[in-house]
Amino acid sequence: MNKYTLEERLEIGRQIYSHQLTVNEAAVKYDINHYTARDYMRYYRDKNNLPAMNSLYAKSQAPASTEPKSKKYVKYDDLESLSK
């Protein structure tokens, strides 16, 4: 037996998906387990054919540097000139 109607579960899921509430905040506010709150968010996401939240987060993050990784590492020869 569910504590909330389908519409209420979708609304709770929407609030989590849209970052109005965290999963833990929703769990406390609606007196549900945090796994249940997470499931409501996933149900909302799937019902509306939305991307996973972690993929949204990854896309919104700008790369830390456009410099290739190989250039980030300092070589011993580069440090030698810094010694006394």
Protein backbone atom coordinates (compact mmCIF):
# COMPACT_ATOMS: atom_id res chain seq x y z
CA MET A 1 0.00 0.00 0.00
CA ASN A 2 1.42 3.37 -1.03
CA LYS A 3 1.28 6.34 1.26
CA TYR A 4 0.93 8.75 -1.68
CA THR A 5 -1.11 8.77 -4.87
CA LEU A 6 0.58 8.48 -8.24
CA GLU A 7 0.21 12.23 -8.78
CA GLU A 8 1.75 12.99 -5.36
CA ARG A 9 4.68 10.64 -6.03
CA LEU A 10 5.28 12.33 -9.38
CA GLU A 11 5.22 15.74 -7.68
CA ILE A 12 7.73 14.62 -5.05
CA GLY A 13 9.90 13.22 -7.84
CA ARG A 14 9.64 16.48 -9.79
CA GLN A 15 10.76 18.49 -6.77
CA ILE A 16 13.82 16.28 -6.38
CA TYR A 17 14.62 16.20 -10.10
CA SER A 18 14.34 19.99 -10.37
CA HIS A 19 16.58 20.44 -7.31
CA GLN A 20 13.89 22.09 -5.20
CA LEU A 21 14.56 19.37 -2.61
CA THR A 22 17.35 16.88 -2.09
CA VAL A 23 16.47 13.23 -1.75
CA ASN A 24 17.10 13.43 2.01
CA GLU A 25 15.05 16.62 2.41
CA ALA A 26 12.14 15.01 0.55
CA ALA A 27 12.43 11.89 2.72
CA VAL A 28 12.14 13.96 5.89
CA LYS A 29 9.44 16.31 4.56
CA TYR A 30 7.21 13.50 3.27
CA ASP A 31 8.11 10.97 5.98
CA ILE A 32 9.42 8.36 3.55
CA ASN A 33 12.63 6.39 3.24
CA HIS A 34 15.32 8.12 1.19
CA TYR A 35 15.35 5.13 -1.19
CA THR A 36 11.64 5.67 -1.76
CA ALA A 37 12.23 9.37 -2.44
CA ARG A 38 14.95 8.44 -4.93
CA ASP A 39 12.57 5.96 -6.58
CA TYR A 40 9.92 8.69 -6.91
CA MET A 41 12.47 10.92 -8.64
CA ARG A 42 13.46 8.09 -10.98
CA TYR A 43 9.81 7.33 -11.73
CA TYR A 44 9.20 11.02 -12.55
CA ARG A 45 12.30 11.09 -14.77
CA ASP A 46 11.38 7.90 -16.62
CA LYS A 47 7.71 8.86 -17.00
CA ASN A 48 8.79 12.14 -18.63
CA ASN A 49 11.65 10.65 -20.70
CA LEU A 50 14.22 12.88 -19.02
CA PRO A 51 17.96 12.20 -18.80
CA ALA A 52 19.53 10.93 -15.60
CA MET A 53 20.48 13.70 -13.21
CA ASN A 54 24.15 12.72 -13.22
CA SER A 55 24.28 13.16 -17.00
CA LEU A 56 22.77 16.62 -16.63
CA TYR A 57 25.40 17.46 -14.04
CA ALA A 58 28.22 16.18 -16.24
CA LYS A 59 27.02 18.20 -19.24
CA SER A 60 26.75 21.40 -17.19
CA GLN A 61 30.31 21.17 -15.92
CA ALA A 62 32.87 23.03 -17.98
CA PRO A 63 36.18 21.26 -18.36
CA ALA A 64 38.74 22.36 -15.78
CA SER A 65 41.27 23.04 -18.49
CA THR A 66 41.46 22.77 -22.23
CA GLU A 67 45.11 21.85 -21.93
CA PRO A 68 45.84 18.18 -22.69
CA LYS A 69 46.50 16.02 -19.64
CA SER A 70 50.03 15.25 -20.77
CA LYS A 71 50.95 18.92 -20.37
CA LYS A 72 49.60 19.07 -16.80
CA TYR A 73 52.33 16.81 -15.47
CA VAL A 74 55.60 18.45 -14.54
CA LYS A 75 58.76 16.77 -15.73
CA TYR A 76 61.92 16.51 -13.65
CA ASP A 77 63.85 18.63 -16.15
CA ASP A 78 61.35 21.44 -15.67
CA LEU A 79 61.86 21.33 -11.89
CA GLU A 80 65.65 21.22 -12.10
CA SER A 81 65.77 24.89 -13.11
CA LEU A 82 63.95 25.79 -9.87
CA SER A 83 66.63 24.33 -7.59
CA LYS A 84 69.25 26.56 -5.96
